[in-house]
Amino acid sequence: MTLLTNAEMANIKGGEPITLAAVMTILVIAIVTVIVYKLFTSNAGSTTIPGGFKFEWK
């Protein structure tokens, strides 16, 4: 590893947080979509969402 000069550090652009947020958003939307599909296509059942939320339908 080498130390960067001030000019080199000024050229560094960060894009990882935006990409990570986009991936996490798509993942959450996919999970919610599966749960809603499961809810509407079954007559009875239950599901637990991370965070302790539990849903039951009969």
N, C-alpha and C. Protein backbone atom coordinates (compact mmCIF):
# COMPACT_ATOMS: atom_id res chain seq x y z
N MET A 1 0.84 -1.17 0.00
CA MET A 1 0.00 0.00 0.00
C MET A 1 0.88 1.23 0.00
N THR A 2 0.41 2.24 -0.71
CA THR A 2 1.13 3.51 -0.75
C THR A 2 0.18 4.64 -0.37
N LEU A 3 0.75 5.69 0.16
CA LEU A 3 -0.06 6.85 0.52
C LEU A 3 -0.41 7.63 -0.74
N LEU A 4 -1.62 8.14 -0.78
CA LEU A 4 -2.07 8.92 -1.93
C LEU A 4 -1.78 10.40 -1.69
N THR A 5 -1.52 11.07 -2.78
CA THR A 5 -1.34 12.52 -2.68
C THR A 5 -2.72 13.18 -2.57
N ASN A 6 -2.72 14.45 -2.25
CA ASN A 6 -3.99 15.17 -2.14
C ASN A 6 -4.74 15.19 -3.48
N ALA A 7 -4.01 15.31 -4.58
CA ALA A 7 -4.64 15.32 -5.91
C ALA A 7 -5.26 13.97 -6.22
N GLU A 8 -4.58 12.89 -5.85
CA GLU A 8 -5.13 11.55 -6.09
C GLU A 8 -6.37 11.30 -5.23
N MET A 9 -6.34 11.77 -3.99
CA MET A 9 -7.50 11.59 -3.12
C MET A 9 -8.69 12.41 -3.60
N ALA A 10 -8.43 13.55 -4.22
CA ALA A 10 -9.53 14.38 -4.73
C ALA A 10 -10.22 13.72 -5.93
N ASN A 11 -9.53 12.85 -6.64
CA ASN A 11 -10.09 12.18 -7.80
C ASN A 11 -10.91 10.94 -7.46
N ILE A 12 -10.89 10.50 -6.22
CA ILE A 12 -11.62 9.30 -5.83
C ILE A 12 -13.10 9.65 -5.70
N LYS A 13 -13.92 8.88 -6.40
CA LYS A 13 -15.37 9.07 -6.35
C LYS A 13 -16.00 7.83 -5.73
N GLY A 14 -16.89 8.02 -4.80
CA GLY A 14 -17.55 6.88 -4.16
C GLY A 14 -18.92 6.65 -4.75
N GLY A 15 -19.19 5.44 -5.18
CA GLY A 15 -20.48 5.10 -5.72
C GLY A 15 -21.06 3.85 -5.07
N GLU A 16 -20.30 3.25 -4.17
CA GLU A 16 -20.73 2.00 -3.57
C GLU A 16 -21.97 2.14 -2.70
N PRO A 17 -22.11 3.20 -1.89
CA PRO A 17 -23.31 3.28 -1.05
C PRO A 17 -24.60 3.36 -1.87
N ILE A 18 -24.56 4.05 -2.99
CA ILE A 18 -25.76 4.15 -3.83
C ILE A 18 -26.08 2.79 -4.44
N THR A 19 -25.08 2.08 -4.90
CA THR A 19 -25.28 0.76 -5.48
C THR A 19 -25.80 -0.21 -4.43
N LEU A 20 -25.24 -0.19 -3.24
CA LEU A 20 -25.68 -1.07 -2.17
C LEU A 20 -27.12 -0.76 -1.78
N ALA A 21 -27.47 0.50 -1.71
CA ALA A 21 -28.84 0.87 -1.37
C ALA A 21 -29.81 0.40 -2.45
N ALA A 22 -29.42 0.49 -3.71
CA ALA A 22 -30.28 0.04 -4.80
C ALA A 22 -30.49 -1.47 -4.75
N VAL A 23 -29.43 -2.22 -4.49
CA VAL A 23 -29.54 -3.68 -4.39
C VAL A 23 -30.42 -4.07 -3.20
N MET A 24 -30.24 -3.42 -2.07
CA MET A 24 -31.06 -3.73 -0.90
C MET A 24 -32.53 -3.38 -1.14
N THR A 25 -32.79 -2.28 -1.84
CA THR A 25 -34.17 -1.90 -2.16
C THR A 25 -34.83 -2.94 -3.03
N ILE A 26 -34.14 -3.41 -4.05
CA ILE A 26 -34.68 -4.44 -4.94
C ILE A 26 -34.92 -5.73 -4.17
N LEU A 27 -34.03 -6.08 -3.27
CA LEU A 27 -34.19 -7.28 -2.46
C LEU A 27 -35.42 -7.19 -1.56
N VAL A 28 -35.62 -6.05 -0.92
CA VAL A 28 -36.78 -5.87 -0.05
C VAL A 28 -38.08 -5.92 -0.87
N ILE A 29 -38.09 -5.30 -2.03
CA ILE A 29 -39.27 -5.33 -2.89
C ILE A 29 -39.58 -6.76 -3.31
N ALA A 30 -38.57 -7.54 -3.63
CA ALA A 30 -38.77 -8.93 -4.03
C ALA A 30 -39.36 -9.75 -2.88
N ILE A 31 -38.85 -9.56 -1.67
CA ILE A 31 -39.36 -10.30 -0.51
C ILE A 31 -40.81 -9.94 -0.24
N VAL A 32 -41.13 -8.66 -0.27
CA VAL A 32 -42.51 -8.23 -0.03
C VAL A 32 -43.43 -8.75 -1.12
N THR A 33 -42.97 -8.77 -2.36
CA THR A 33 -43.78 -9.29 -3.46
C THR A 33 -44.11 -10.76 -3.27
N VAL A 34 -43.14 -11.55 -2.84
CA VAL A 34 -43.38 -12.97 -2.60
C VAL A 34 -44.38 -13.15 -1.46
N ILE A 35 -44.26 -12.38 -0.41
CA ILE A 35 -45.18 -12.50 0.72
C ILE A 35 -46.60 -12.12 0.31
N VAL A 36 -46.74 -11.04 -0.45
CA VAL A 36 -48.07 -10.62 -0.90
C VAL A 36 -48.66 -11.66 -1.85
N TYR A 37 -47.86 -12.22 -2.74
CA TYR A 37 -48.34 -13.26 -3.65
C TYR A 37 -48.82 -14.47 -2.84
N LYS A 38 -48.02 -14.85 -1.86
CA LYS A 38 -48.38 -15.99 -1.02
C LYS A 38 -49.69 -15.70 -0.26
N LEU A 39 -49.85 -14.49 0.19
CA LEU A 39 -51.04 -14.10 0.93
C LEU A 39 -52.29 -14.20 0.05
N PHE A 40 -52.21 -13.74 -1.18
CA PHE A 40 -53.39 -13.69 -2.04
C PHE A 40 -53.70 -15.01 -2.74
N THR A 41 -52.76 -15.93 -2.84
CA THR A 41 -53.00 -17.17 -3.57
C THR A 41 -53.32 -18.34 -2.67
N SER A 42 -53.22 -18.20 -1.38
CA SER A 42 -53.51 -19.33 -0.50
C SER A 42 -54.76 -19.04 0.33
N ASN A 43 -55.42 -20.12 0.73
CA ASN A 43 -56.63 -19.99 1.53
C ASN A 43 -56.32 -19.73 3.00
N ALA A 44 -55.27 -20.34 3.50
CA ALA A 44 -54.89 -20.16 4.90
C ALA A 44 -53.39 -20.36 5.02
N GLY A 45 -52.81 -19.73 6.02
CA GLY A 45 -51.38 -19.89 6.23
C GLY A 45 -50.84 -18.84 7.16
N SER A 46 -49.53 -18.82 7.28
CA SER A 46 -48.88 -17.82 8.11
C SER A 46 -47.49 -17.55 7.56
N THR A 47 -46.98 -16.40 7.92
CA THR A 47 -45.62 -16.04 7.52
C THR A 47 -45.01 -15.15 8.59
N THR A 48 -43.71 -15.20 8.68
CA THR A 48 -42.98 -14.36 9.63
C THR A 48 -41.95 -13.55 8.86
N ILE A 49 -42.01 -12.25 9.02
CA ILE A 49 -41.06 -11.34 8.37
C ILE A 49 -39.95 -11.04 9.38
N PRO A 50 -38.70 -10.98 8.92
CA PRO A 50 -37.63 -10.63 9.85
C PRO A 50 -37.95 -9.34 10.60
N GLY A 51 -37.72 -9.37 11.87
CA GLY A 51 -38.05 -8.24 12.71
C GLY A 51 -39.15 -8.60 13.69
N GLY A 52 -39.65 -9.84 13.58
CA GLY A 52 -40.65 -10.32 14.52
C GLY A 52 -42.09 -10.11 14.10
N PHE A 53 -42.33 -9.69 12.87
CA PHE A 53 -43.70 -9.50 12.40
C PHE A 53 -44.24 -10.84 11.91
N LYS A 54 -45.38 -11.25 12.46
CA LYS A 54 -45.98 -12.52 12.07
C LYS A 54 -47.39 -12.26 11.58
N PHE A 55 -47.73 -12.85 10.42
CA PHE A 55 -49.05 -12.70 9.84
C PHE A 55 -49.68 -14.06 9.68
N GLU A 56 -50.97 -14.16 9.99
CA GLU A 56 -51.72 -15.39 9.78
C GLU A 56 -53.02 -15.03 9.08
N TRP A 57 -53.43 -15.88 8.14
CA TRP A 57 -54.71 -15.68 7.48
C TRP A 57 -55.41 -17.01 7.40
N LYS A 58 -56.73 -16.95 7.52
CA LYS A 58 -57.52 -18.18 7.56
C LYS A 58 -58.68 -18.10 6.61
